[in-house]
Amino acid sequence: MARLVGLDTKESHMKLAMSFVMSVLPLFGAADISHAQNNNPARSGTYYEDQAAGTTTSSSILYLSFAQLPSDKNFNLSNVGCLIRSTPAITQIYMKVGTTSGGQDLQRIAPISFTNVVVDLSEHIYSFNSSLYFKIGKSRFPTLLIDSASGTPYIGATCTINGTLSDD
């Protein structure tokens, strides 16, 4: 069995197993939820930043789940920046918040403004930075939803969120 460099045997096997599971899930119609990509959010003083990326070909909505927010501070989300490629047009983008990764149980929503689009043959390309103010509580999980018009789309995105951490 292949060994991933820098990981012990148990970690290597777990990484390979997860890779296999994630590659076959779309074959069974599982929801395309892209969790934080093993990234480490950046935290410096009160500044906080995280990034998530993913693709879907089986759903008209791409879910990008970011890492769990710090347990000692609230997060004041002030900017969302994305590069999105899709075959259908994107109709809406919004941030939701949950108590679990990918969760949307808190019923809080913040629409994200986006306008930049380049149509290249049958592909739409969006690149934007959207300013907003959305306070998210301690230990919560932000999830970005990118919704396309319909059909059997391809949606691929890399998005970054940033803002400040505060006690209130």
C-alpha atoms as a PDB file:
ATOM      1  CA  MET A   1       0.000   0.000   0.000  1.00  0.00           C
ATOM      2  CA  ALA A   2       1.259   3.504  -0.759  1.00  0.00           C
ATOM      3  CA  ARG A   3       2.682   5.503   2.109  1.00  0.00           C
ATOM      4  CA  LEU A   4       2.104   9.214   2.395  1.00  0.00           C
ATOM      5  CA  VAL A   5       5.357  11.010   3.168  1.00  0.00           C
ATOM      6  CA  GLY A   6       5.601  12.427   6.680  1.00  0.00           C
ATOM      7  CA  LEU A   7       2.710  10.386   8.107  1.00  0.00           C
ATOM      8  CA  ASP A   8       2.906   7.288  10.270  1.00  0.00           C
ATOM      9  CA  THR A   9       1.354   4.089   8.917  1.00  0.00           C
ATOM     10  CA  LYS A  10      -2.016   4.544  10.685  1.00  0.00           C
ATOM     11  CA  GLU A  11      -2.347   8.144   9.449  1.00  0.00           C
ATOM     12  CA  SER A  12      -1.311   7.068   5.962  1.00  0.00           C
ATOM     13  CA  HIS A  13      -3.975   4.363   5.848  1.00  0.00           C
ATOM     14  CA  MET A  14      -6.647   6.752   7.173  1.00  0.00           C
ATOM     15  CA  LYS A  15      -5.765   9.378   4.543  1.00  0.00           C
ATOM     16  CA  LEU A  16      -5.906   6.805   1.753  1.00  0.00           C
ATOM     17  CA  ALA A  17      -9.217   5.380   3.024  1.00  0.00           C
ATOM     18  CA  MET A  18     -10.785   8.865   3.256  1.00  0.00           C
ATOM     19  CA  SER A  19      -9.524   9.683  -0.229  1.00  0.00           C
ATOM     20  CA  PHE A  20     -11.175   6.541  -1.575  1.00  0.00           C
ATOM     21  CA  VAL A  21     -14.466   7.180   0.254  1.00  0.00           C
ATOM     22  CA  MET A  22     -14.618  10.787  -0.969  1.00  0.00           C
ATOM     23  CA  SER A  23     -13.929   9.673  -4.554  1.00  0.00           C
ATOM     24  CA  VAL A  24     -16.768   7.113  -4.632  1.00  0.00           C
ATOM     25  CA  LEU A  25     -19.449   9.099  -2.765  1.00  0.00           C
ATOM     26  CA  PRO A  26     -20.582  11.008  -5.892  1.00  0.00           C
ATOM     27  CA  LEU A  27     -21.185   7.671  -7.619  1.00  0.00           C
ATOM     28  CA  PHE A  28     -23.932   6.960  -5.103  1.00  0.00           C
ATOM     29  CA  GLY A  29     -25.612  10.371  -5.318  1.00  0.00           C
ATOM     30  CA  ALA A  30     -24.238  11.687  -2.050  1.00  0.00           C
ATOM     31  CA  ALA A  31     -24.482  15.411  -1.437  1.00  0.00           C
ATOM     32  CA  ASP A  32     -21.472  17.393  -2.588  1.00  0.00           C
ATOM     33  CA  ILE A  33     -20.341  19.147   0.556  1.00  0.00           C
ATOM     34  CA  SER A  34     -16.751  20.329   0.430  1.00  0.00           C
ATOM     35  CA  HIS A  35     -15.292  20.637   3.897  1.00  0.00           C
ATOM     36  CA  ALA A  36     -12.277  22.729   4.786  1.00  0.00           C
ATOM     37  CA  GLN A  37      -9.395  21.363   2.764  1.00  0.00           C
ATOM     38  CA  ASN A  38      -7.093  20.350   5.634  1.00  0.00           C
ATOM     39  CA  ASN A  39      -6.127  23.984   5.811  1.00  0.00           C
ATOM     40  CA  ASN A  40      -5.199  25.801   8.953  1.00  0.00           C
ATOM     41  CA  PRO A  41      -7.082  29.045   9.422  1.00  0.00           C
ATOM     42  CA  ALA A  42      -4.826  32.050   9.864  1.00  0.00           C
ATOM     43  CA  ARG A  43      -5.141  33.847  13.200  1.00  0.00           C
ATOM     44  CA  SER A  44      -3.003  36.811  14.167  1.00  0.00           C
ATOM     45  CA  GLY A  45      -4.137  39.031  17.018  1.00  0.00           C
ATOM     46  CA  THR A  46      -7.755  39.811  16.177  1.00  0.00           C
ATOM     47  CA  TYR A  47      -7.402  38.947  12.449  1.00  0.00           C
ATOM     48  CA  TYR A  48      -8.907  35.641  11.241  1.00  0.00           C
ATOM     49  CA  GLU A  49      -8.924  34.052   7.763  1.00  0.00           C
ATOM     50  CA  ASP A  50      -9.937  30.680   6.325  1.00  0.00           C
ATOM     51  CA  GLN A  51     -10.237  29.158   2.860  1.00  0.00           C
ATOM     52  CA  ALA A  52     -12.257  26.292   1.358  1.00  0.00           C
ATOM     53  CA  ALA A  53     -12.413  24.815  -2.129  1.00  0.00           C
ATOM     54  CA  GLY A  54     -14.549  22.226  -3.860  1.00  0.00           C
ATOM     55  CA  THR A  55     -16.442  21.071  -6.923  1.00  0.00           C
ATOM     56  CA  THR A  56     -19.761  19.430  -7.763  1.00  0.00           C
ATOM     57  CA  THR A  57     -21.163  17.820 -10.871  1.00  0.00           C
ATOM     58  CA  SER A  58     -24.215  16.197  -9.284  1.00  0.00           C
ATOM     59  CA  SER A  59     -25.965  19.036  -7.484  1.00  0.00           C
ATOM     60  CA  SER A  60     -27.073  22.553  -8.398  1.00  0.00           C
ATOM     61  CA  ILE A  61     -25.646  23.804  -5.066  1.00  0.00           C
ATOM     62  CA  LEU A  62     -22.009  23.667  -4.006  1.00  0.00           C
ATOM     63  CA  TYR A  63     -21.492  23.727  -0.236  1.00  0.00           C
ATOM     64  CA  LEU A  64     -18.120  24.999   1.006  1.00  0.00           C
ATOM     65  CA  SER A  65     -17.688  24.283   4.708  1.00  0.00           C
ATOM     66  CA  PHE A  66     -15.019  26.235   6.554  1.00  0.00           C
ATOM     67  CA  ALA A  67     -13.174  25.158   9.696  1.00  0.00           C
ATOM     68  CA  GLN A  68     -14.741  25.495  13.119  1.00  0.00           C
ATOM     69  CA  LEU A  69     -14.314  29.022  14.471  1.00  0.00           C
ATOM     70  CA  PRO A  70     -12.244  29.633  17.629  1.00  0.00           C
ATOM     71  CA  SER A  71     -13.934  28.714  20.910  1.00  0.00           C
ATOM     72  CA  ASP A  72     -12.698  31.811  22.748  1.00  0.00           C
ATOM     73  CA  LYS A  73     -13.939  34.613  20.429  1.00  0.00           C
ATOM     74  CA  ASN A  74     -16.841  35.662  18.207  1.00  0.00           C
ATOM     75  CA  PHE A  75     -16.077  36.173  14.510  1.00  0.00           C
ATOM     76  CA  ASN A  76     -17.003  39.374  12.672  1.00  0.00           C
ATOM     77  CA  LEU A  77     -17.046  38.277   9.028  1.00  0.00           C
ATOM     78  CA  SER A  78     -16.193  41.292   6.870  1.00  0.00           C
ATOM     79  CA  ASN A  79     -15.109  39.875   3.496  1.00  0.00           C
ATOM     80  CA  VAL A  80     -15.810  36.919   1.223  1.00  0.00           C
ATOM     81  CA  GLY A  81     -13.630  36.486  -1.865  1.00  0.00           C
ATOM     82  CA  CYS A  82     -14.200  33.761  -4.447  1.00  0.00           C
ATOM     83  CA  LEU A  83     -13.091  32.451  -7.797  1.00  0.00           C
ATOM     84  CA  ILE A  84     -15.936  30.344  -9.243  1.00  0.00           C
ATOM     85  CA  ARG A  85     -16.227  28.472 -12.530  1.00  0.00           C
ATOM     86  CA  SER A  86     -19.597  27.022 -13.538  1.00  0.00           C
ATOM     87  CA  THR A  87     -21.429  25.759 -16.581  1.00  0.00           C
ATOM     88  CA  PRO A  88     -24.811  27.258 -15.626  1.00  0.00           C
ATOM     89  CA  ALA A  89     -25.083  30.799 -14.323  1.00  0.00           C
ATOM     90  CA  ILE A  90     -24.793  31.268 -10.567  1.00  0.00           C
ATOM     91  CA  THR A  91     -28.056  32.677  -9.178  1.00  0.00           C
ATOM     92  CA  GLN A  92     -27.172  33.292  -5.546  1.00  0.00           C
ATOM     93  CA  ILE A  93     -24.422  32.939  -2.985  1.00  0.00           C
ATOM     94  CA  TYR A  94     -25.002  33.048   0.739  1.00  0.00           C
ATOM     95  CA  MET A  95     -23.338  32.250   4.057  1.00  0.00           C
ATOM     96  CA  LYS A  96     -25.048  30.031   6.618  1.00  0.00           C
ATOM     97  CA  VAL A  97     -23.964  29.024  10.117  1.00  0.00           C
ATOM     98  CA  GLY A  98     -24.241  25.713  11.953  1.00  0.00           C
ATOM     99  CA  THR A  99     -23.242  23.940  15.137  1.00  0.00           C
ATOM    100  CA  THR A 100     -21.616  21.137  13.111  1.00  0.00           C
ATOM    101  CA  SER A 101     -19.439  21.092   9.994  1.00  0.00           C
ATOM    102  CA  GLY A 102     -21.693  21.725   6.987  1.00  0.00           C
ATOM    103  CA  GLY A 103     -24.621  22.290   9.344  1.00  0.00           C
ATOM    104  CA  GLN A 104     -27.255  24.938   8.708  1.00  0.00           C
ATOM    105  CA  ASP A 105     -29.277  24.402  11.869  1.00  0.00           C
ATOM    106  CA  LEU A 106     -29.022  27.944  13.258  1.00  0.00           C
ATOM    107  CA  GLN A 107     -31.181  29.465  10.485  1.00  0.00           C
ATOM    108  CA  ARG A 108     -28.860  32.450  10.075  1.00  0.00           C
ATOM    109  CA  ILE A 109     -28.168  33.612   6.538  1.00  0.00           C
ATOM    110  CA  ALA A 110     -26.154  36.393   4.921  1.00  0.00           C
ATOM    111  CA  PRO A 111     -26.486  36.993   1.169  1.00  0.00           C
ATOM    112  CA  ILE A 112     -23.203  37.622  -0.638  1.00  0.00           C
ATOM    113  CA  SER A 113     -23.026  40.251  -3.386  1.00  0.00           C
ATOM    114  CA  PHE A 114     -21.350  39.212  -6.632  1.00  0.00           C
ATOM    115  CA  THR A 115     -21.309  40.764 -10.103  1.00  0.00           C
ATOM    116  CA  ASN A 116     -18.092  40.023 -11.935  1.00  0.00           C
ATOM    117  CA  VAL A 117     -18.716  37.406 -14.616  1.00  0.00           C
ATOM    118  CA  VAL A 118     -16.901  36.422 -17.784  1.00  0.00           C
ATOM    119  CA  VAL A 119     -18.642  34.019 -20.131  1.00  0.00           C
ATOM    120  CA  ASP A 120     -16.110  31.894 -21.976  1.00  0.00           C
ATOM    121  CA  LEU A 121     -18.017  29.725 -24.463  1.00  0.00           C
ATOM    122  CA  SER A 122     -20.239  27.660 -22.140  1.00  0.00           C
ATOM    123  CA  GLU A 123     -18.443  28.465 -18.873  1.00  0.00           C
ATOM    124  CA  HIS A 124     -19.161  31.307 -16.453  1.00  0.00           C
ATOM    125  CA  ILE A 125     -16.222  32.659 -14.442  1.00  0.00           C
ATOM    126  CA  TYR A 126     -16.833  34.772 -11.343  1.00  0.00           C
ATOM    127  CA  SER A 127     -14.115  36.556  -9.399  1.00  0.00           C
ATOM    128  CA  PHE A 128     -15.147  38.880  -6.589  1.00  0.00           C
ATOM    129  CA  ASN A 129     -14.513  40.268  -3.111  1.00  0.00           C
ATOM    130  CA  SER A 130     -17.703  41.106  -1.261  1.00  0.00           C
ATOM    131  CA  SER A 131     -17.807  43.242   1.881  1.00  0.00           C
ATOM    132  CA  LEU A 132     -20.395  42.541   4.560  1.00  0.00           C
ATOM    133  CA  TYR A 133     -20.858  42.471   8.319  1.00  0.00           C
ATOM    134  CA  PHE A 134     -22.023  39.142   9.719  1.00  0.00           C
ATOM    135  CA  LYS A 135     -21.334  38.216  13.345  1.00  0.00           C
ATOM    136  CA  ILE A 136     -20.826  34.512  13.992  1.00  0.00           C
ATOM    137  CA  GLY A 137     -20.636  32.991  17.469  1.00  0.00           C
ATOM    138  CA  LYS A 138     -17.860  31.052  19.148  1.00  0.00           C
ATOM    139  CA  SER A 139     -17.133  27.508  17.923  1.00  0.00           C
ATOM    140  CA  ARG A 140     -19.583  27.793  15.018  1.00  0.00           C
ATOM    141  CA  PHE A 141     -19.101  26.414  11.500  1.00  0.00           C
ATOM    142  CA  PRO A 142     -19.593  28.823   8.556  1.00  0.00           C
ATOM    143  CA  THR A 143     -20.759  27.279   5.259  1.00  0.00           C
ATOM    144  CA  LEU A 144     -20.911  29.080   1.913  1.00  0.00           C
ATOM    145  CA  LEU A 145     -23.645  27.944  -0.493  1.00  0.00           C
ATOM    146  CA  ILE A 146     -23.207  28.643  -4.214  1.00  0.00           C
ATOM    147  CA  ASP A 147     -26.473  28.082  -6.087  1.00  0.00           C
ATOM    148  CA  SER A 148     -26.673  27.654  -9.872  1.00  0.00           C
ATOM    149  CA  ALA A 149     -29.613  28.087 -12.208  1.00  0.00           C
ATOM    150  CA  SER A 150     -30.415  24.376 -12.697  1.00  0.00           C
ATOM    151  CA  GLY A 151     -29.606  21.345 -14.785  1.00  0.00           C
ATOM    152  CA  THR A 152     -26.610  19.090 -14.331  1.00  0.00           C
ATOM    153  CA  PRO A 153     -23.971  21.672 -13.577  1.00  0.00           C
ATOM    154  CA  TYR A 154     -20.293  21.813 -12.993  1.00  0.00           C
ATOM    155  CA  ILE A 155     -19.438  24.237 -10.192  1.00  0.00           C
ATOM    156  CA  GLY A 156     -15.884  24.662  -8.925  1.00  0.00           C
ATOM    157  CA  ALA A 157     -14.892  27.285  -6.377  1.00  0.00           C
ATOM    158  CA  THR A 158     -12.161  28.491  -4.067  1.00  0.00           C
ATOM    159  CA  CYS A 159     -13.339  31.004  -1.473  1.00  0.00           C
ATOM    160  CA  THR A 160     -11.691  32.878   1.375  1.00  0.00           C
ATOM    161  CA  ILE A 161     -13.412  34.454   4.368  1.00  0.00           C
ATOM    162  CA  ASN A 162     -11.786  36.972   6.676  1.00  0.00           C
ATOM    163  CA  GLY A 163     -12.616  39.368   9.449  1.00  0.00           C
ATOM    164  CA  THR A 164     -11.885  40.076  13.090  1.00  0.00           C
ATOM    165  CA  LEU A 165     -12.269  38.188  16.348  1.00  0.00           C
ATOM    166  CA  SER A 166     -13.900  39.877  19.324  1.00  0.00           C
ATOM    167  CA  ASP A 167     -15.136  39.214  22.854  1.00  0.00           C
ATOM    168  CA  ASP A 168     -18.576  40.734  22.215  1.00  0.00           C
END
